[in-house]
Protein backbone atom coordinates (compact mmCIF):
# COMPACT_ATOMS: atom_id res chain seq x y z
CA MET A 1 72.00 174.58 146.00
CA ILE A 2 70.71 175.07 142.45
CA VAL A 3 67.89 177.37 141.33
CA SER A 4 64.92 175.29 140.15
CA THR A 5 65.08 176.95 136.72
CA GLY A 6 68.48 175.37 136.16
CA LEU A 7 67.10 171.93 136.99
CA TYR A 8 64.29 172.37 134.46
CA TYR A 9 66.69 173.52 131.74
CA ALA A 10 69.07 170.65 132.45
CA ALA A 11 66.28 168.07 132.42
CA PHE A 12 64.99 169.42 129.11
CA LEU A 13 68.45 169.29 127.56
CA VAL A 14 69.18 165.79 128.83
CA GLY A 15 65.83 164.57 127.53
CA GLY A 16 66.38 166.17 124.14
CA GLY A 17 69.89 164.76 123.95
CA LEU A 18 68.73 161.24 124.78
CA LEU A 19 66.02 161.33 122.12
CA LEU A 20 68.46 162.65 119.55
CA GLY A 21 71.01 160.04 120.49
CA ILE A 22 68.48 157.21 120.25
CA PHE A 23 67.06 158.22 116.87
CA THR A 24 70.30 159.40 115.22
CA ARG A 25 73.79 158.72 116.59
CA PRO A 26 74.77 158.37 120.28
CA TRP A 27 77.48 161.03 120.04
CA ALA A 28 74.83 163.58 118.99
CA ALA A 29 73.68 163.68 122.62
CA ILE A 30 77.05 164.92 123.91
CA PRO A 31 76.52 168.67 123.24
CA PHE A 32 73.18 168.50 125.03
CA GLY A 33 74.86 166.89 128.03
CA VAL A 34 77.51 169.60 128.11
CA LEU A 35 74.84 172.32 127.99
CA ALA A 36 72.92 170.59 130.77
CA LEU A 37 76.01 170.60 132.99
CA PHE A 38 76.56 174.29 132.18
CA CYS A 39 72.99 175.12 133.22
CA LEU A 40 73.41 173.31 136.54
CA TRP A 41 76.63 175.24 137.15
CA PHE A 42 75.26 178.58 135.97
CA PHE A 43 72.15 178.43 138.15
CA ARG A 44 74.09 177.60 141.31
CA ASP A 45 72.83 179.36 144.42
CA PRO A 46 75.42 179.17 147.22
CA GLU A 47 74.52 180.03 150.77
CA ARG A 48 75.80 183.41 151.92
CA THR A 49 76.20 184.91 155.40
CA ALA A 50 75.51 188.63 155.59
CA PRO A 51 77.70 190.70 157.93
CA THR A 52 76.11 191.89 161.16
CA GLY A 53 76.06 195.43 162.48
CA ALA A 54 73.99 198.55 161.94
CA GLY A 55 74.19 200.82 158.95
CA LEU A 56 75.66 198.42 156.39
CA ALA A 57 74.63 197.76 152.81
CA VAL A 58 75.82 194.60 151.10
CA SER A 59 76.20 193.91 147.41
CA PRO A 60 73.01 192.73 145.68
CA ALA A 61 75.00 190.77 143.10
CA ASP A 62 78.22 188.94 142.37
CA GLY A 63 80.30 190.82 139.83
CA LYS A 64 82.52 193.80 139.14
CA VAL A 65 81.85 197.43 140.05
CA VAL A 66 81.94 199.19 136.67
CA LEU A 67 80.47 202.60 137.51
CA ILE A 68 80.22 205.05 140.40
CA ARG A 69 78.87 208.50 139.59
CA PRO A 70 76.84 211.31 141.17
CA GLU A 71 73.31 211.83 139.87
CA ALA A 72 71.51 215.14 139.35
CA ASP A 73 69.18 214.45 142.30
CA GLY A 74 72.06 214.23 144.80
CA ARG A 75 72.17 210.44 144.95
CA THR A 76 75.10 208.27 143.85
CA ARG A 77 74.76 205.49 141.30
CA MET A 78 76.76 202.30 141.53
CA ALA A 79 76.66 199.68 138.77
CA ILE A 80 77.74 196.05 139.16
CA PHE A 81 78.28 194.01 135.99
CA LEU A 82 77.69 190.25 136.10
CA ASN A 83 79.40 188.20 133.43
CA VAL A 84 78.19 184.77 132.39
CA PHE A 85 80.48 183.09 134.94
CA ASP A 86 79.09 184.93 137.99
CA VAL A 87 76.34 183.67 140.30
CA HIS A 88 73.17 185.41 139.06
CA VAL A 89 71.00 185.19 142.17
CA ASN A 90 70.30 188.71 143.47
CA ARG A 91 69.94 189.80 147.11
CA THR A 92 68.68 192.85 148.98
CA PRO A 93 71.41 195.27 150.14
CA ILE A 94 69.63 196.20 153.39
CA ALA A 95 66.99 194.82 155.71
CA GLY A 96 63.61 196.50 155.53
CA GLN A 97 60.28 196.64 153.78
CA VAL A 98 59.83 196.51 150.02
CA LYS A 99 58.08 199.79 149.19
CA SER A 100 57.76 199.24 145.45
CA VAL A 101 58.62 196.86 142.63
CA THR A 102 58.53 198.41 139.15
CA TYR A 103 59.12 196.58 135.89
CA LYS A 104 60.12 198.53 132.77
CA PRO A 105 60.46 196.94 129.33
CA GLY A 106 63.38 198.10 127.21
CA LYS A 107 66.33 197.25 125.03
CA PHE A 108 68.99 194.56 125.49
CA LEU A 109 72.20 196.56 125.13
CA VAL A 110 75.47 195.13 126.46
CA ALA A 111 74.98 195.43 130.23
CA SER A 112 78.39 197.03 130.83
CA GLU A 113 77.45 200.07 128.71
CA VAL A 114 76.43 203.25 130.55
CA ALA A 115 73.23 203.54 128.49
CA ALA A 116 72.02 200.19 129.82
CA SER A 117 71.03 201.88 133.10
CA VAL A 118 68.32 203.82 131.29
CA GLU A 119 67.48 201.95 128.09
CA ASN A 120 67.54 198.25 129.01
CA GLU A 121 64.73 196.11 130.35
CA GLN A 122 64.82 196.32 134.14
CA ASN A 123 63.06 195.63 137.41
CA THR A 124 63.50 198.21 140.18
CA LEU A 125 62.96 197.66 143.90
CA VAL A 126 62.88 200.27 146.65
CA VAL A 127 63.63 198.96 150.15
CA GLU A 128 63.26 201.07 153.31
CA GLY A 129 64.65 200.14 156.70
CA ASP A 130 66.59 201.49 159.66
CA GLY A 131 65.82 205.09 158.73
CA SER A 132 67.10 204.89 155.16
CA ARG A 133 66.19 203.57 151.73
CA ILE A 134 68.00 202.08 148.76
CA GLU A 135 66.75 201.76 145.21
CA PHE A 136 68.28 199.03 143.09
CA SER A 137 67.53 197.63 139.65
CA GLN A 138 67.94 194.22 138.04
CA ILE A 139 68.93 195.06 134.47
CA ALA A 140 68.87 192.64 131.53
CA GLY A 141 71.83 192.56 129.14
CA LEU A 142 72.63 191.43 125.62
CA ILE A 143 72.24 187.75 126.51
CA ALA A 144 70.01 188.02 129.58
CA ARG A 145 66.38 188.11 128.44
CA ARG A 146 64.59 187.13 131.61
CA ILE A 147 64.42 188.93 134.94
CA VAL A 148 62.95 187.06 137.91
CA CYS A 149 61.82 188.81 141.11
CA ASP A 150 60.16 186.88 143.93
CA LYS A 151 59.27 189.87 146.10
CA LYS A 152 56.33 192.27 146.19
CA PRO A 153 55.51 195.56 147.97
CA GLY A 154 55.03 195.05 151.69
CA ASP A 155 57.43 192.12 152.02
CA GLN A 156 59.88 192.31 154.93
CA LEU A 157 63.44 191.41 154.03
CA GLN A 158 66.57 190.54 155.95
CA ARG A 159 69.92 191.93 154.80
CA GLY A 160 71.30 189.71 152.05
CA GLU A 161 68.02 187.85 151.49
CA ARG A 162 67.42 186.47 148.00
CA ILE A 163 65.04 188.58 145.89
CA GLY A 164 65.35 186.90 142.47
CA LEU A 165 67.79 186.45 139.62
CA ILE A 166 68.70 187.60 136.13
CA LYS A 167 69.37 184.86 133.61
CA PHE A 168 72.83 185.06 131.99
CA GLY A 169 75.00 188.23 131.58
CA SER A 170 73.41 191.24 133.27
CA ARG A 171 73.80 194.21 135.59
CA VAL A 172 72.52 195.59 138.89
CA ASP A 173 72.43 199.35 139.57
CA LEU A 174 71.98 200.93 142.99
CA LEU A 175 71.11 204.50 143.98
CA PHE A 176 72.42 205.68 147.36
CA GLY A 177 71.23 208.78 149.17
CA PRO A 178 73.67 211.27 150.76
CA GLU A 179 73.46 209.42 154.08
CA TRP A 180 75.57 206.61 152.61
CA GLN A 181 79.37 206.43 152.30
CA LEU A 182 80.50 204.02 149.60
CA ALA A 183 82.97 201.33 150.69
CA VAL A 184 84.12 199.99 147.30
CA ASN A 185 85.70 201.45 144.17
CA VAL A 186 85.34 200.96 140.44
CA GLY A 187 87.14 197.80 139.34
CA GLU A 188 86.57 195.86 142.57
CA ARG A 189 84.79 192.52 142.56
CA VAL A 190 81.95 192.04 145.03
CA THR A 191 79.98 189.10 146.39
CA ALA A 192 76.21 189.18 146.78
CA GLY A 193 75.02 189.21 150.37
CA GLU A 194 78.54 189.40 151.84
CA THR A 195 80.61 192.31 150.50
CA VAL A 196 79.87 195.59 152.31
CA ILE A 197 79.52 198.21 149.56
CA ALA A 198 78.32 201.17 151.65
CA LYS A 199 78.03 202.35 155.25
CA LYS A 200 75.73 204.92 156.79
CA LYS A 201 77.58 208.09 157.80
C-alpha cells in the first residue's frame, strides 16, 4: 500500500519529467523518474498486526529509540527518530479515545537533537483507554516540513491504528505515566504498530 500523497508526488514528477524530456532532451526526464520512484518507496504504508493482550503499548513509529529520560512531572519521555529510509506512517500506541489534538508551530532543528522535543513544529495527541493515557507527539525535523494527522478529539482508536504521517526525516516523542514499565532501551529499533515498547505494571 502507498499513501495517496506519494502517488500525487510521483505523478507530478513523472508529468514534469515527460514535458522536460519532450521539449529538451529525453535523458533530462531520468532524474524526475528516479525521484518519482523514491516517492513511491518513501510513502509506502505496509500492513501491520498489533499484538493482542491487555496493558500493552506499541511503537507509534518505525525508527530508533534515541532518548529515554524522566521528566519533572514524574512521567518518562521516550523519543523515536525516523530517518529518511523509515516508513513514516504513524500509529496510536494504545486503543482508546482521542482526548485532544494540539498543533504547535516551531523550528525545524535536526529531529535527533534533544531540543527538538520542545522547539520544533509538532502535533500532540492524548489517547485514553483501559484506565490509562499516553501523550505522543509527531515532531517535524530538518527535512520534514509537513505533519499530517487524520484524527480528531472523540475518535475511538484501536491499538496500532494509523493516525497520520510526517513527511521525510522526523521524530515521535511519547510521555508515559508511572503506571507504565518501558520494554525497550535506547539504541533499539522499533516497528510502528508491532513492537511493544511499554507494559502496564
